[in-house]
C-alpha atoms as a PDB file:
ATOM      1  CA  MET A   1       0.000   0.000   0.000  1.00  0.00           C
ATOM      2  CA  CYS A   2       2.692   2.429   0.971  1.00  0.00           C
ATOM      3  CA  TYR A   3       4.566   2.900  -2.280  1.00  0.00           C
ATOM      4  CA  GLY A   4       1.420   3.145  -4.375  1.00  0.00           C
ATOM      5  CA  ARG A   5      -0.101   5.774  -2.124  1.00  0.00           C
ATOM      6  CA  VAL A   6       3.118   7.776  -1.856  1.00  0.00           C
ATOM      7  CA  SER A   7       3.490   7.838  -5.622  1.00  0.00           C
ATOM      8  CA  SER A   8      -0.047   9.241  -5.922  1.00  0.00           C
ATOM      9  CA  VAL A   9       0.891  12.156  -3.615  1.00  0.00           C
ATOM     10  CA  PHE A  10       3.960  13.110  -5.662  1.00  0.00           C
ATOM     11  CA  GLU A  11       3.516  14.865  -8.984  1.00  0.00           C
ATOM     12  CA  ASP A  12       6.083  14.943 -11.821  1.00  0.00           C
ATOM     13  CA  PHE A  13       8.190  12.305 -10.048  1.00  0.00           C
ATOM     14  CA  THR A  14      11.542  11.626 -11.752  1.00  0.00           C
ATOM     15  CA  TYR A  15      14.692   9.827 -10.711  1.00  0.00           C
ATOM     16  CA  GLU A  16      17.636  12.122 -11.418  1.00  0.00           C
ATOM     17  CA  ARG A  17      20.649  10.060 -10.396  1.00  0.00           C
ATOM     18  CA  GLU A  18      21.655   6.555  -9.387  1.00  0.00           C
ATOM     19  CA  ILE A  19      24.682   5.707  -7.273  1.00  0.00           C
ATOM     20  CA  ARG A  20      25.901   2.158  -6.558  1.00  0.00           C
ATOM     21  CA  SER A  21      28.695   0.990  -4.339  1.00  0.00           C
ATOM     22  CA  GLU A  22      31.387  -1.192  -5.905  1.00  0.00           C
ATOM     23  CA  SER A  23      30.188  -4.130  -3.823  1.00  0.00           C
ATOM     24  CA  GLY A  24      26.606  -3.614  -5.016  1.00  0.00           C
ATOM     25  CA  VAL A  25      25.333  -3.777  -1.445  1.00  0.00           C
ATOM     26  CA  ASP A  26      24.441  -0.065  -1.272  1.00  0.00           C
ATOM     27  CA  HIS A  27      22.313   1.714  -3.849  1.00  0.00           C
ATOM     28  CA  VAL A  28      21.095   5.337  -3.787  1.00  0.00           C
ATOM     29  CA  LEU A  29      18.393   6.786  -6.038  1.00  0.00           C
ATOM     30  CA  ILE A  30      18.012  10.581  -6.040  1.00  0.00           C
ATOM     31  CA  PHE A  31      14.672  11.966  -7.168  1.00  0.00           C
ATOM     32  CA  ASN A  32      12.750  15.189  -7.675  1.00  0.00           C
ATOM     33  CA  ALA A  33       9.000  15.713  -7.581  1.00  0.00           C
ATOM     34  CA  ARG A  34       6.331  18.203  -6.707  1.00  0.00           C
ATOM     35  CA  VAL A  35       3.789  18.257  -3.889  1.00  0.00           C
ATOM     36  CA  GLY A  36       1.218  20.774  -5.011  1.00  0.00           C
ATOM     37  CA  ASP A  37       3.201  23.857  -6.003  1.00  0.00           C
ATOM     38  CA  LEU A  38       6.252  22.917  -3.900  1.00  0.00           C
ATOM     39  CA  SER A  39       9.355  21.194  -5.239  1.00  0.00           C
ATOM     40  CA  ILE A  40      10.639  18.285  -3.201  1.00  0.00           C
ATOM     41  CA  GLN A  41      13.898  16.393  -3.475  1.00  0.00           C
ATOM     42  CA  GLY A  42      14.640  13.048  -1.957  1.00  0.00           C
ATOM     43  CA  CYS A  43      16.729   9.946  -2.029  1.00  0.00           C
ATOM     44  CA  ASP A  44      16.040   6.269  -1.537  1.00  0.00           C
ATOM     45  CA  VAL A  45      18.952   4.480   0.119  1.00  0.00           C
ATOM     46  CA  LEU A  46      18.762   0.724  -0.378  1.00  0.00           C
ATOM     47  CA  GLN A  47      20.917  -1.898   1.257  1.00  0.00           C
ATOM     48  CA  TYR A  48      20.824  -5.403  -0.177  1.00  0.00           C
ATOM     49  CA  ARG A  49      21.328  -8.765   1.485  1.00  0.00           C
ATOM     50  CA  HIS A  50      23.744 -11.348   0.083  1.00  0.00           C
ATOM     51  CA  ASP A  51      20.833 -13.029  -1.774  1.00  0.00           C
ATOM     52  CA  GLY A  52      19.952  -9.772  -3.590  1.00  0.00           C
ATOM     53  CA  LEU A  53      16.805  -8.948  -1.619  1.00  0.00           C
ATOM     54  CA  ILE A  54      16.430  -5.530  -0.011  1.00  0.00           C
ATOM     55  CA  GLU A  55      17.417  -5.585   3.639  1.00  0.00           C
ATOM     56  CA  GLN A  56      16.813  -1.914   4.418  1.00  0.00           C
ATOM     57  CA  LEU A  57      15.206   1.049   2.685  1.00  0.00           C
ATOM     58  CA  THR A  58      15.692   4.589   3.960  1.00  0.00           C
ATOM     59  CA  VAL A  59      13.922   7.544   2.352  1.00  0.00           C
ATOM     60  CA  MET A  60      15.020  11.117   2.985  1.00  0.00           C
ATOM     61  CA  LEU A  61      13.152  14.214   1.804  1.00  0.00           C
ATOM     62  CA  ARG A  62      13.834  17.955   1.747  1.00  0.00           C
ATOM     63  CA  PRO A  63      13.050  20.909   2.116  1.00  0.00           C
ATOM     64  CA  LEU A  64      10.980  20.942   5.297  1.00  0.00           C
ATOM     65  CA  LYS A  65       8.100  22.995   3.873  1.00  0.00           C
ATOM     66  CA  ALA A  66       7.583  20.445   1.077  1.00  0.00           C
ATOM     67  CA  VAL A  67       7.993  17.533   3.517  1.00  0.00           C
ATOM     68  CA  LEU A  68       5.220  18.960   5.714  1.00  0.00           C
ATOM     69  CA  ALA A  69       2.947  19.336   2.669  1.00  0.00           C
ATOM     70  CA  PHE A  70       3.780  15.748   1.672  1.00  0.00           C
ATOM     71  CA  GLU A  71       2.966  14.501   5.196  1.00  0.00           C
ATOM     72  CA  ALA A  72      -0.372  16.326   5.218  1.00  0.00           C
ATOM     73  CA  ARG A  73      -1.407  14.909   1.835  1.00  0.00           C
ATOM     74  CA  THR A  74      -0.230  11.422   2.762  1.00  0.00           C
ATOM     75  CA  ARG A  75      -2.236  11.536   6.011  1.00  0.00           C
ATOM     76  CA  VAL A  76      -5.409  12.499   4.116  1.00  0.00           C
ATOM     77  CA  GLU A  77      -4.847   9.694   1.599  1.00  0.00           C
ATOM     78  CA  PHE A  78      -4.174   7.157   4.368  1.00  0.00           C
ATOM     79  CA  GLU A  79      -7.320   8.182   6.268  1.00  0.00           C
ATOM     80  CA  ARG A  80      -9.373   7.863   3.070  1.00  0.00           C
ATOM     81  CA  ILE A  81      -8.057   4.342   2.459  1.00  0.00           C
ATOM     82  CA  MET A  82      -8.639   3.287   6.069  1.00  0.00           C
ATOM     83  CA  ALA A  83     -12.222   4.603   5.996  1.00  0.00           C
ATOM     84  CA  ALA A  84     -12.921   2.752   2.733  1.00  0.00           C
ATOM     85  CA  THR A  85     -11.402  -0.428   4.181  1.00  0.00           C
ATOM     86  CA  ALA A  86     -13.478  -0.157   7.361  1.00  0.00           C
ATOM     87  CA  ASP A  87     -16.637   0.468   5.310  1.00  0.00           C
ATOM     88  CA  TYR A  88     -15.891  -2.558   3.122  1.00  0.00           C
ATOM     89  CA  GLY A  89     -15.362  -4.685   6.244  1.00  0.00           C
ATOM     90  CA  ARG A  90     -18.669  -3.536   7.758  1.00  0.00           C
ATOM     91  CA  ARG A  91     -20.556  -4.278   4.543  1.00  0.00           C
ATOM     92  CA  TYR A  92     -18.869  -7.658   4.222  1.00  0.00           C
ATOM     93  CA  ARG A  93     -19.641  -8.700   7.799  1.00  0.00           C
ATOM     94  CA  SER A  94     -23.255  -7.540   7.471  1.00  0.00           C
ATOM     95  CA  GLY A  95     -23.707  -9.766   4.414  1.00  0.00           C
ATOM     96  CA  ALA A  96     -24.319  -6.809   2.095  1.00  0.00           C
ATOM     97  CA  LEU A  97     -21.497  -8.009  -0.153  1.00  0.00           C
ATOM     98  CA  GLN A  98     -21.797 -11.341  -1.906  1.00  0.00           C
ATOM     99  CA  ARG A  99     -18.866 -13.630  -2.428  1.00  0.00           C
ATOM    100  CA  CYS A 100     -18.137 -14.179  -6.073  1.00  0.00           C
ATOM    101  CA  GLY A 101     -16.064 -17.346  -5.626  1.00  0.00           C
ATOM    102  CA  ARG A 102     -13.130 -16.131  -7.695  1.00  0.00           C
ATOM    103  CA  ALA A 103      -9.661 -15.095  -6.527  1.00  0.00           C
ATOM    104  CA  GLU A 104      -9.718 -11.596  -5.087  1.00  0.00           C
ATOM    105  CA  GLY A 105      -7.242  -9.087  -3.654  1.00  0.00           C
ATOM    106  CA  PRO A 106      -5.380  -9.365  -0.345  1.00  0.00           C
ATOM    107  CA  LEU A 107      -7.908  -7.241   1.558  1.00  0.00           C
ATOM    108  CA  THR A 108     -10.775  -9.502   0.511  1.00  0.00           C
ATOM    109  CA  ARG A 109      -8.767 -12.614   1.393  1.00  0.00           C
ATOM    110  CA  HIS A 110      -7.991 -11.054   4.789  1.00  0.00           C
ATOM    111  CA  LEU A 111     -11.679 -10.339   5.350  1.00  0.00           C
ATOM    112  CA  HIS A 112     -12.542 -13.942   4.427  1.00  0.00           C
ATOM    113  CA  ARG A 113     -10.037 -15.141   7.057  1.00  0.00           C
ATOM    114  CA  CYS A 114     -11.460 -12.668   9.594  1.00  0.00           C
ATOM    115  CA  ARG A 115     -14.979 -13.905   8.999  1.00  0.00           C
ATOM    116  CA  ALA A 116     -13.858 -17.509   9.440  1.00  0.00           C
ATOM    117  CA  LEU A 117     -12.044 -16.631  12.667  1.00  0.00           C
ATOM    118  CA  GLU A 118     -14.633 -14.195  14.060  1.00  0.00           C
ATOM    119  CA  SER A 119     -16.137 -16.714  16.428  1.00  0.00           C
ATOM    120  CA  ARG A 120     -12.704 -17.278  17.973  1.00  0.00           C
ATOM    121  CA  SER A 121     -11.870 -13.515  18.061  1.00  0.00           C
ATOM    122  CA  ALA A 122      -8.522 -14.321  16.460  1.00  0.00           C
ATOM    123  CA  CYS A 123      -8.588 -11.614  13.799  1.00  0.00           C
ATOM    124  CA  SER A 124      -6.958  -8.295  14.542  1.00  0.00           C
END
């Protein structure tokens, strides 16, 4: 959820530079974007494990004014998603939504598990 929502907050997102260590363990991506009418610059610092999977991701953003605008927009987006998820869960539990029997997204699968476990109160 995170990356998809963050990318919807940024406008005109472009990677400007890529830096790799000789060992290949460290990788930095520098980017520019806009949040509303403010320019924002950032970097993604990735550290890889020996098997090539990402072990750590650090994101840094600047300047502060743009970071605060980014945080405000991200919070609104997150609250919208959480409200939609809660509404979907309420409708599902009330029986207002019918199961279609086909493979569905992770949220729907989670809700199916919650419904199955409801009597045991095992779903958080």
